[in-house]
Amino acid sequence: MIAVRIGSYGPDDVVPDAHILDLTLTISSHLVMVPRDEMALVFDYDPLIRRIDTLAGAHHYETQERLMTCIVEACAS
């Protein structure tokens, strides 16, 4: 779960307690190049998780699609 502010709400609008985003990223198997079964060759997800948390808390997002685009860009980099 990430802490994020999404949307624009007026004074009488109901503000949701949470936004549920379900994002599934796939990568073609021919792009996964792990030549040997060694822990030193696997991806460390901790920096990516920290980057996503930073993106979520950086500012208010008008749309969840923009946040998801930023997350996808972080994953691709």
Protein backbone atom coordinates (compact mmCIF):
# COMPACT_ATOMS: atom_id res chain seq x y z
CA MET A 1 0.00 0.00 0.00
CA ILE A 2 1.24 3.47 -0.85
CA ALA A 3 0.14 6.76 0.65
CA VAL A 4 -1.07 8.99 -2.16
CA ARG A 5 -3.52 11.86 -2.73
CA ILE A 6 -5.57 11.48 -5.92
CA GLY A 7 -8.47 13.50 -7.30
CA SER A 8 -10.16 16.84 -6.86
CA TYR A 9 -13.03 17.17 -4.45
CA GLY A 10 -15.35 20.01 -3.60
CA PRO A 11 -16.45 20.91 -0.07
CA ASP A 12 -19.59 18.73 -0.28
CA ASP A 13 -18.03 15.79 -2.16
CA VAL A 14 -17.51 12.42 -0.55
CA VAL A 15 -13.77 11.78 -0.39
CA PRO A 16 -12.79 8.10 -0.57
CA ASP A 17 -10.74 6.65 2.27
CA ALA A 18 -8.49 4.86 -0.21
CA HIS A 19 -7.88 4.28 -3.90
CA ILE A 20 -7.34 0.70 -5.01
CA LEU A 21 -5.02 0.56 -8.01
CA ASP A 22 -4.39 -2.80 -9.63
CA LEU A 23 -1.43 -2.50 -11.97
CA THR A 24 0.07 -5.56 -13.62
CA LEU A 25 3.24 -5.09 -15.65
CA THR A 26 4.50 -7.77 -17.99
CA ILE A 27 7.76 -8.14 -19.83
CA SER A 28 8.49 -10.34 -22.78
CA SER A 29 10.42 -13.43 -21.77
CA HIS A 30 13.05 -12.78 -24.45
CA LEU A 31 13.97 -9.56 -22.61
CA VAL A 32 14.75 -11.36 -19.36
CA MET A 33 18.42 -12.12 -19.59
CA VAL A 34 19.65 -13.95 -16.51
CA PRO A 35 22.45 -16.16 -17.85
CA ARG A 36 23.01 -18.14 -14.65
CA ASP A 37 21.07 -19.06 -11.53
CA GLU A 38 22.92 -16.75 -9.14
CA MET A 39 21.57 -14.35 -6.53
CA ALA A 40 24.03 -11.68 -7.66
CA LEU A 41 22.19 -11.53 -11.00
CA VAL A 42 18.66 -10.96 -9.70
CA PHE A 43 16.94 -7.60 -9.50
CA ASP A 44 16.86 -5.76 -6.16
CA TYR A 45 13.28 -4.47 -5.82
CA ASP A 46 13.89 -2.35 -2.70
CA PRO A 47 15.12 0.74 -4.61
CA LEU A 48 12.11 0.49 -6.95
CA ILE A 49 9.71 0.28 -4.02
CA ARG A 50 11.36 3.34 -2.45
CA ARG A 51 11.05 5.20 -5.78
CA ILE A 52 7.32 4.36 -6.02
CA ASP A 53 6.78 5.54 -2.44
CA THR A 54 8.61 8.77 -3.29
CA LEU A 55 6.49 9.29 -6.42
CA ALA A 56 3.29 8.71 -4.46
CA GLY A 57 4.19 11.21 -1.77
CA ALA A 58 5.77 13.81 -4.06
CA HIS A 59 2.59 15.73 -4.79
CA HIS A 60 -1.14 15.56 -5.34
CA TYR A 61 -2.24 13.70 -8.48
CA GLU A 62 -5.37 14.73 -10.35
CA THR A 63 -5.67 11.28 -11.95
CA GLN A 64 -4.67 7.76 -11.01
CA GLU A 65 -3.60 7.26 -14.62
CA ARG A 66 -0.84 9.85 -14.22
CA LEU A 67 0.43 8.15 -11.07
CA MET A 68 0.39 4.79 -12.82
CA THR A 69 2.30 6.28 -15.76
CA CYS A 70 4.98 7.52 -13.35
CA ILE A 71 5.18 4.08 -11.74
CA VAL A 72 5.53 2.37 -15.13
CA GLU A 73 8.30 4.81 -16.08
CA ALA A 74 10.10 4.00 -12.82
CA CYS A 75 9.80 0.28 -13.51
CA ALA A 76 11.10 0.68 -17.05
CA SER A 77 14.13 2.65 -15.95
